[in-house]
Amino acid sequence: MKYVVIGGGIVGACAAYFLSKKECDVTLIDKAFDGKATSAGAGIICPWISTVDDPDWYAIASRGALYYPELIASLKEDGEIETGYRFTGALATSEDLAELKELKEKVDEKKAVQSEVGDVQILEAPEAQKLFPPLDKHLHALYVSGSARLDGKLLANALVEGFKKNGGKFFEEKVTLSKQEDGKIAVDTSEGTVTADQVIVAGGAWTNDLLNPLGLNINVEAQRGQIAHLTVGEDTSNWPVVLPQDSSHYMVAFDDNRIAFGATREVGSGFDYRLTAGGVQEVLNEGLGVAPGLADATLKEVRVGFRPMSPDLKPLLGRVPQYSNLIIATGLGASGLTMGPYVGSLAAKLALNEQIELDLAPYDPMR
């Protein structure tokens, strides 16, 4: 059996890696477009305190969080240890202590089902500063120990390198898809047309560009995110993720004394790959409002990424009835680094005709 995966972001790279572990004949094709969401994003692996109130979203997001230890262990066996993944815990912050106590009750309910949520406790101000020193001293926090953070770019690179070590073939090229007389699709490359038993299209925000020649169009659009990266003169490797409850923004600290402030959610941006004055101001104001102790930090860079957004925030994952060898996996939006590897593994299982532990009907890519 021959498999082709198009898209080397977090979803496609994990699908290809999963298939390579099965000793399949797999080709991964990617084009390094400016604004790939995986390369720009800072991963927050903490679905337990998300404000998204959708059981289908939570079902796949929580499984995504639980899938990570297995994936990281597999990559380690392949000699890939630079993933940017670490259990750091997370802080949901608010000046309203009653709000956090209410949130704790909800998280405790989830912990009763999934013990991996870990320790859940209220930290009254200024106790949270012991875990994240620059935090505003007036902020209370709910601490959730089972949460983790991730560097999306590092993980995607590790997946691709692991895939190659397992015999996978990788090409960087912009390709097109074409219809075949047998009801399947083929991949047109600069070296000719490639046929495959199964093709996984994980093109992120660019997926419709790939599908248009097939007469297909899915409900996904690019949403621009601008994310600022600051550096400080102290060890930030164990600082928890910070999730302010009155905002969609966040803070993620990394091993290299770096803290990410993110991120704007710019609907209707298209693929306008620019930093904007308003976007940079927004992420800095939001970040410093929560962590004023970072006002003197060095602004290292600001990244731009295009999230593939579906209207209902759920992934677009599954087969397409018109073509027997086509699987679509995209539309993860702001949750891409939480659920991306798991969604990639599900796409690979579909390609292999393996049993899926989740009803995929709510994620139908043609919905």
Protein backbone atom coordinates (compact mmCIF):
# COMPACT_ATOMS: atom_id res chain seq x y z
CA MET A 1 0.00 0.00 0.00
CA LYS A 2 1.21 3.47 -0.89
CA TYR A 3 0.30 6.61 1.05
CA VAL A 4 0.79 10.31 0.34
CA VAL A 5 0.37 13.03 2.97
CA ILE A 6 0.17 16.64 1.81
CA GLY A 7 1.05 19.23 4.44
CA GLY A 8 3.95 19.16 6.89
CA GLY A 9 2.30 21.06 9.73
CA ILE A 10 1.47 19.38 13.01
CA VAL A 11 -1.42 17.30 11.60
CA GLY A 12 0.23 16.11 8.39
CA ALA A 13 3.61 15.49 9.99
CA CYS A 14 2.04 13.32 12.69
CA ALA A 15 -0.08 11.41 10.16
CA ALA A 16 3.03 10.68 8.10
CA TYR A 17 5.02 9.73 11.20
CA PHE A 18 2.23 7.39 12.40
CA LEU A 19 2.14 5.66 9.00
CA SER A 20 5.94 5.35 8.91
CA LYS A 21 5.88 3.53 12.25
CA LYS A 22 3.70 0.93 10.54
CA GLU A 23 6.46 0.41 7.95
CA CYS A 24 4.23 1.76 5.18
CA ASP A 25 5.37 3.29 1.89
CA VAL A 26 4.75 6.93 2.77
CA THR A 27 5.55 10.19 1.02
CA LEU A 28 5.15 13.52 2.81
CA ILE A 29 4.92 16.62 0.62
CA ASP A 30 5.06 20.11 2.06
CA LYS A 31 5.47 23.67 0.88
CA ALA A 32 6.94 26.19 3.33
CA PHE A 33 4.36 28.94 2.94
CA ASP A 34 4.81 32.12 4.98
CA GLY A 35 2.49 32.01 7.97
CA LYS A 36 2.21 28.28 8.62
CA ALA A 37 0.27 28.07 11.88
CA THR A 38 2.41 25.28 13.35
CA SER A 39 5.62 27.30 12.99
CA ALA A 40 4.14 30.46 14.49
CA GLY A 41 2.14 29.05 17.39
CA ALA A 42 2.87 28.37 21.04
CA GLY A 43 1.18 25.21 22.22
CA ILE A 44 -1.06 25.10 25.27
CA ILE A 45 -2.03 21.54 26.12
CA CYS A 46 -4.80 22.27 28.60
CA PRO A 47 -8.33 21.58 27.33
CA TRP A 48 -9.56 21.16 30.90
CA ILE A 49 -10.10 24.90 31.43
CA SER A 50 -11.12 25.90 27.91
CA THR A 51 -14.10 28.23 27.50
CA VAL A 52 -15.32 26.21 24.49
CA ASP A 53 -18.61 24.61 25.55
CA ASP A 54 -19.00 21.80 23.03
CA PRO A 55 -18.79 18.11 24.03
CA ASP A 56 -17.59 17.08 20.56
CA TRP A 57 -14.79 19.64 20.71
CA TYR A 58 -13.84 18.51 24.21
CA ALA A 59 -13.91 14.82 23.24
CA ILE A 60 -11.22 15.29 20.63
CA ALA A 61 -9.26 18.01 22.47
CA SER A 62 -8.98 16.02 25.69
CA ARG A 63 -7.90 12.91 23.79
CA GLY A 64 -5.38 15.14 22.03
CA ALA A 65 -3.85 16.12 25.37
CA LEU A 66 -3.73 12.51 26.54
CA TYR A 67 -2.05 11.37 23.31
CA TYR A 68 1.06 13.49 23.82
CA PRO A 69 3.02 11.33 26.32
CA GLU A 70 2.72 8.33 23.97
CA LEU A 71 3.87 10.41 21.00
CA ILE A 72 6.80 12.01 22.83
CA ALA A 73 7.96 8.59 24.05
CA SER A 74 7.81 7.24 20.49
CA LEU A 75 9.87 10.15 19.16
CA LYS A 76 12.41 9.64 21.93
CA GLU A 77 12.84 6.02 20.82
CA ASP A 78 13.65 7.40 17.36
CA GLY A 79 16.25 9.75 18.85
CA GLU A 80 14.10 12.89 18.54
CA ILE A 81 14.12 14.69 21.88
CA GLU A 82 13.89 18.37 20.87
CA THR A 83 10.11 18.79 20.85
CA GLY A 84 9.52 21.75 23.14
CA TYR A 85 7.02 19.62 25.10
CA ARG A 86 7.02 19.81 28.88
CA PHE A 87 4.57 19.37 31.73
CA THR A 88 4.54 22.79 33.39
CA GLY A 89 1.00 23.10 34.68
CA ALA A 90 -1.32 25.98 33.83
CA LEU A 91 -2.69 29.00 35.66
CA ALA A 92 -6.18 30.26 34.92
CA THR A 93 -6.03 33.82 36.28
CA SER A 94 -8.69 36.26 37.45
CA GLU A 95 -9.27 39.01 39.99
CA ASP A 96 -12.62 37.33 40.73
CA LEU A 97 -12.00 34.53 43.23
CA ALA A 98 -15.60 33.31 42.97
CA GLU A 99 -15.17 32.84 39.22
CA LEU A 100 -12.16 30.60 39.78
CA LYS A 101 -13.93 28.57 42.44
CA GLU A 102 -16.74 27.94 39.97
CA LEU A 103 -14.19 26.93 37.34
CA LYS A 104 -12.52 24.59 39.81
CA GLU A 105 -15.80 22.70 40.26
CA LYS A 106 -15.99 22.14 36.49
CA VAL A 107 -12.37 21.01 36.27
CA ASP A 108 -12.84 18.66 39.22
CA GLU A 109 -15.72 17.02 37.34
CA LYS A 110 -13.41 16.42 34.37
CA LYS A 111 -10.71 15.09 36.68
CA ALA A 112 -13.15 12.51 38.01
CA VAL A 113 -13.28 11.09 34.47
CA GLN A 114 -9.69 11.78 33.39
CA SER A 115 -7.22 11.64 36.26
CA GLU A 116 -4.52 13.05 33.96
CA VAL A 117 -5.94 16.51 34.73
CA GLY A 118 -3.70 16.30 37.81
CA ASP A 119 -3.67 18.46 40.89
CA VAL A 120 -6.26 21.26 40.86
CA GLN A 121 -6.01 24.04 43.43
CA ILE A 122 -6.90 27.67 44.03
CA LEU A 123 -3.98 30.06 44.58
CA GLU A 124 -5.13 33.28 46.21
CA ALA A 125 -3.22 36.43 45.26
CA PRO A 126 -0.27 36.82 45.32
CA GLU A 127 0.50 33.07 45.63
CA ALA A 128 0.52 32.53 41.84
CA GLN A 129 3.61 34.77 41.59
CA LYS A 130 5.64 31.93 43.13
CA LEU A 131 5.02 29.95 39.94
CA PHE A 132 5.04 32.86 37.44
CA PRO A 133 7.00 35.73 39.06
CA PRO A 134 6.06 38.59 36.64
CA LEU A 135 2.33 38.03 37.25
CA ASP A 136 0.18 40.88 38.57
CA LYS A 137 0.14 40.53 42.37
CA HIS A 138 -3.62 41.11 42.47
CA LEU A 139 -4.45 38.07 40.37
CA HIS A 140 -5.80 34.86 41.86
CA ALA A 141 -5.26 31.65 39.90
CA LEU A 142 -6.53 28.14 39.45
CA TYR A 143 -3.55 25.81 39.05
CA VAL A 144 -3.94 22.63 36.96
CA SER A 145 -0.80 20.48 37.16
CA GLY A 146 -1.61 18.09 34.29
CA SER A 147 -1.22 20.79 31.66
CA ALA A 148 1.72 21.14 29.31
CA ARG A 149 3.24 23.50 26.78
CA LEU A 150 4.73 22.91 23.37
CA ASP A 151 6.88 24.53 20.70
CA GLY A 152 4.99 23.68 17.52
CA LYS A 153 7.90 24.26 15.18
CA LEU A 154 10.21 21.98 17.17
CA LEU A 155 7.65 19.19 17.34
CA ALA A 156 6.86 19.33 13.63
CA ASN A 157 10.58 19.15 12.85
CA ALA A 158 11.00 16.18 15.18
CA LEU A 159 8.08 14.38 13.54
CA VAL A 160 9.50 14.90 10.06
CA GLU A 161 12.97 13.73 11.13
CA GLY A 162 11.49 10.68 12.86
CA PHE A 163 9.43 9.98 9.74
CA LYS A 164 12.57 10.05 7.59
CA LYS A 165 14.40 7.72 9.98
CA ASN A 166 11.54 5.26 9.59
CA GLY A 167 11.95 5.22 5.80
CA GLY A 168 9.54 7.99 4.85
CA LYS A 169 10.18 10.11 1.77
CA PHE A 170 9.93 13.89 2.15
CA PHE A 171 9.64 16.48 -0.62
CA GLU A 172 9.21 20.23 -0.41
CA GLU A 173 7.07 21.28 -3.34
CA LYS A 174 3.77 22.91 -4.22
CA VAL A 175 1.55 20.24 -5.77
CA THR A 176 -1.90 20.00 -7.29
CA LEU A 177 -4.54 17.29 -7.10
CA SER A 178 -6.28 15.78 -10.10
CA LYS A 179 -9.24 13.48 -10.73
CA GLN A 180 -8.66 9.98 -12.08
CA GLU A 181 -11.04 7.85 -14.13
CA ASP A 182 -11.22 5.20 -11.40
CA GLY A 183 -12.86 7.60 -8.92
CA LYS A 184 -9.62 8.30 -7.10
CA ILE A 185 -7.34 11.32 -6.97
CA ALA A 186 -3.68 11.66 -7.90
CA VAL A 187 -0.98 14.12 -6.92
CA ASP A 188 0.65 16.12 -9.70
CA THR A 189 4.26 17.06 -8.96
CA SER A 190 7.12 18.57 -10.95
CA GLU A 191 8.41 15.03 -11.49
CA GLY A 192 5.09 13.72 -12.79
CA THR A 193 1.82 12.34 -11.46
CA VAL A 194 1.90 10.26 -8.28
CA THR A 195 -0.85 7.78 -7.55
CA ALA A 196 -1.52 6.39 -4.08
CA ASP A 197 -3.89 4.02 -2.35
CA GLN A 198 -4.70 6.79 0.15
CA VAL A 199 -4.04 10.54 0.12
CA ILE A 200 -4.31 12.61 3.31
CA VAL A 201 -4.75 16.33 2.66
CA ALA A 202 -3.64 18.30 5.73
CA GLY A 203 -2.99 21.64 4.10
CA GLY A 204 -4.07 23.84 6.99
CA ALA A 205 -5.49 27.18 5.92
CA TRP A 206 -4.42 26.43 2.32
CA THR A 207 -6.51 23.23 2.03
CA ASN A 208 -9.14 24.70 -0.29
CA ASP A 209 -6.42 25.67 -2.77
CA LEU A 210 -5.63 21.96 -3.02
CA LEU A 211 -9.25 20.83 -3.20
CA ASN A 212 -10.54 23.33 -5.77
CA PRO A 213 -9.30 21.35 -8.84
CA LEU A 214 -11.39 18.44 -7.55
CA GLY A 215 -14.54 20.55 -7.44
CA LEU A 216 -14.50 20.53 -3.64
CA ASN A 217 -14.72 23.37 -1.16
CA ILE A 218 -14.73 22.95 2.62
CA ASN A 219 -15.85 25.38 5.29
CA VAL A 220 -12.47 26.65 6.48
CA GLU A 221 -10.85 30.08 6.35
CA ALA A 222 -7.56 31.64 7.35
CA GLN A 223 -7.51 33.56 10.62
CA ARG A 224 -4.40 35.66 11.22
CA GLY A 225 -2.68 35.47 14.57
CA GLN A 226 0.16 37.74 15.68
CA ILE A 227 2.22 36.47 18.60
CA ALA A 228 5.03 38.31 20.40
CA HIS A 229 8.09 36.57 21.83
CA LEU A 230 9.99 38.20 24.71
CA THR A 231 13.19 37.17 26.46
CA VAL A 232 14.24 37.68 30.06
CA GLY A 233 17.39 37.12 32.06
CA GLU A 234 16.16 34.21 34.15
CA ASP A 235 15.22 30.55 33.77
CA THR A 236 11.64 30.27 32.50
CA SER A 237 11.67 26.57 31.62
CA ASN A 238 9.28 25.50 34.38
CA TRP A 239 6.95 28.47 34.37
CA PRO A 240 3.32 27.41 33.85
CA VAL A 241 1.11 28.44 30.97
CA VAL A 242 -1.04 31.48 31.86
CA LEU A 243 -4.65 31.67 30.67
CA PRO A 244 -6.46 34.87 31.74
CA GLN A 245 -10.16 34.16 32.17
CA ASP A 246 -11.29 37.53 30.83
CA SER A 247 -9.40 37.19 27.55
CA SER A 248 -8.64 34.84 24.65
CA HIS A 249 -4.95 35.71 25.01
CA TYR A 250 -2.32 33.62 26.79
CA MET A 251 1.31 33.40 27.87
CA VAL A 252 3.64 30.46 27.30
CA ALA A 253 7.20 30.26 28.68
CA PHE A 254 9.92 28.15 27.06
CA ASP A 255 13.32 26.69 27.95
CA ASP A 256 15.35 29.47 26.31
CA ASN A 257 14.28 32.28 28.68
CA ARG A 258 11.50 33.11 26.23
CA ILE A 259 7.86 34.00 26.88
CA ALA A 260 5.25 34.13 24.13
CA PHE A 261 2.37 36.61 24.31
CA GLY A 262 -0.47 35.52 22.08
CA ALA A 263 -2.38 36.00 20.07
CA THR A 264 -4.66 38.07 17.90
CA ARG A 265 -7.63 36.37 16.24
CA GLU A 266 -8.14 38.34 13.06
CA VAL A 267 -11.15 37.12 11.09
CA GLY A 268 -11.26 38.03 7.41
CA SER A 269 -7.50 38.56 7.23
CA GLY A 270 -7.00 36.25 4.29
CA PHE A 271 -3.30 35.50 3.76
CA ASP A 272 -2.10 39.03 4.47
CA TYR A 273 1.31 38.17 5.92
CA ARG A 274 2.08 41.37 7.83
CA LEU A 275 2.67 42.60 11.32
CA THR A 276 0.24 45.40 12.09
CA ALA A 277 0.63 48.20 14.61
CA GLY A 278 -2.73 47.38 16.16
CA GLY A 279 -2.01 43.66 16.36
CA VAL A 280 1.36 44.10 18.05
CA GLN A 281 -0.14 46.65 20.43
CA GLU A 282 -2.95 44.25 21.30
CA VAL A 283 -0.73 41.31 22.25
CA LEU A 284 1.69 43.47 24.23
CA ASN A 285 -1.09 45.30 26.10
CA GLU A 286 -2.88 42.06 26.93
CA GLY A 287 0.31 40.35 28.07
CA LEU A 288 1.64 43.20 30.17
CA GLY A 289 -1.78 43.74 31.72
CA VAL A 290 -1.53 40.25 33.20
CA ALA A 291 2.23 40.17 33.78
CA PRO A 292 3.45 43.75 34.34
CA GLY A 293 6.74 42.36 35.60
CA LEU A 294 7.68 41.70 31.97
CA ALA A 295 7.59 45.37 30.96
CA ASP A 296 11.39 45.48 30.84
CA ALA A 297 11.75 42.21 28.91
CA THR A 298 13.40 42.25 25.48
CA LEU A 299 11.00 42.06 22.54
CA LYS A 300 12.73 39.39 20.46
CA GLU A 301 10.30 38.92 17.57
CA VAL A 302 6.66 38.90 16.53
CA ARG A 303 5.42 35.98 14.43
CA VAL A 304 2.45 35.73 12.09
CA GLY A 305 0.44 32.55 11.53
CA PHE A 306 -2.75 31.67 9.68
CA ARG A 307 -5.01 29.34 11.65
CA PRO A 308 -7.34 27.09 9.60
CA MET A 309 -10.68 27.96 11.21
CA SER A 310 -13.95 26.08 10.93
CA PRO A 311 -17.15 27.96 11.92
CA ASP A 312 -17.93 25.61 14.83
CA LEU A 313 -14.29 25.32 16.04
CA LYS A 314 -14.24 21.55 15.46
CA PRO A 315 -11.76 19.84 13.11
CA LEU A 316 -12.67 18.89 9.57
CA LEU A 317 -11.68 15.24 9.55
CA GLY A 318 -12.78 12.30 7.48
CA ARG A 319 -13.26 10.76 4.06
CA VAL A 320 -14.87 12.46 1.08
CA PRO A 321 -17.61 10.38 -0.60
CA GLN A 322 -16.74 11.56 -4.12
CA TYR A 323 -13.20 10.15 -4.01
CA SER A 324 -12.40 6.76 -2.52
CA ASN A 325 -8.80 7.52 -1.60
CA LEU A 326 -9.15 11.07 -0.21
CA ILE A 327 -9.00 11.95 3.51
CA ILE A 328 -9.16 15.55 4.76
CA ALA A 329 -7.67 16.67 8.09
CA THR A 330 -7.68 20.38 8.90
CA GLY A 331 -9.74 23.14 10.56
CA LEU A 332 -8.30 22.89 14.06
CA GLY A 333 -8.15 26.66 14.53
CA ALA A 334 -6.71 27.91 17.81
CA SER A 335 -6.62 24.34 19.16
CA GLY A 336 -4.19 23.10 16.53
CA LEU A 337 -1.32 22.29 18.85
CA THR A 338 -3.62 20.73 21.45
CA MET A 339 -5.31 18.23 19.17
CA GLY A 340 -3.11 18.27 16.05
CA PRO A 341 -1.02 15.13 16.64
CA TYR A 342 -4.07 13.14 17.70
CA VAL A 343 -6.05 14.30 14.66
CA GLY A 344 -3.07 13.29 12.50
CA SER A 345 -3.07 9.84 14.08
CA LEU A 346 -6.80 9.49 13.40
CA ALA A 347 -6.29 10.44 9.75
CA ALA A 348 -3.57 7.78 9.52
CA LYS A 349 -5.86 5.18 11.09
CA LEU A 350 -8.53 6.05 8.54
CA ALA A 351 -6.01 5.53 5.76
CA LEU A 352 -5.05 2.16 7.25
CA ASN A 353 -8.70 1.17 7.77
CA GLU A 354 -7.96 0.68 11.46
CA GLN A 355 -10.62 0.96 14.13
CA ILE A 356 -11.30 4.51 15.33
CA GLU A 357 -12.15 4.97 19.03
CA LEU A 358 -14.16 8.11 18.35
CA ASP A 359 -17.32 8.76 16.33
CA LEU A 360 -16.08 11.01 13.53
CA ALA A 361 -19.53 12.09 12.34
CA PRO A 362 -19.38 15.48 14.16
CA TYR A 363 -16.13 16.27 12.34
CA ASP A 364 -17.32 15.45 8.80
CA PRO A 365 -15.11 17.61 6.52
CA MET A 366 -17.99 18.30 4.11
CA ARG A 367 -20.41 19.54 6.80
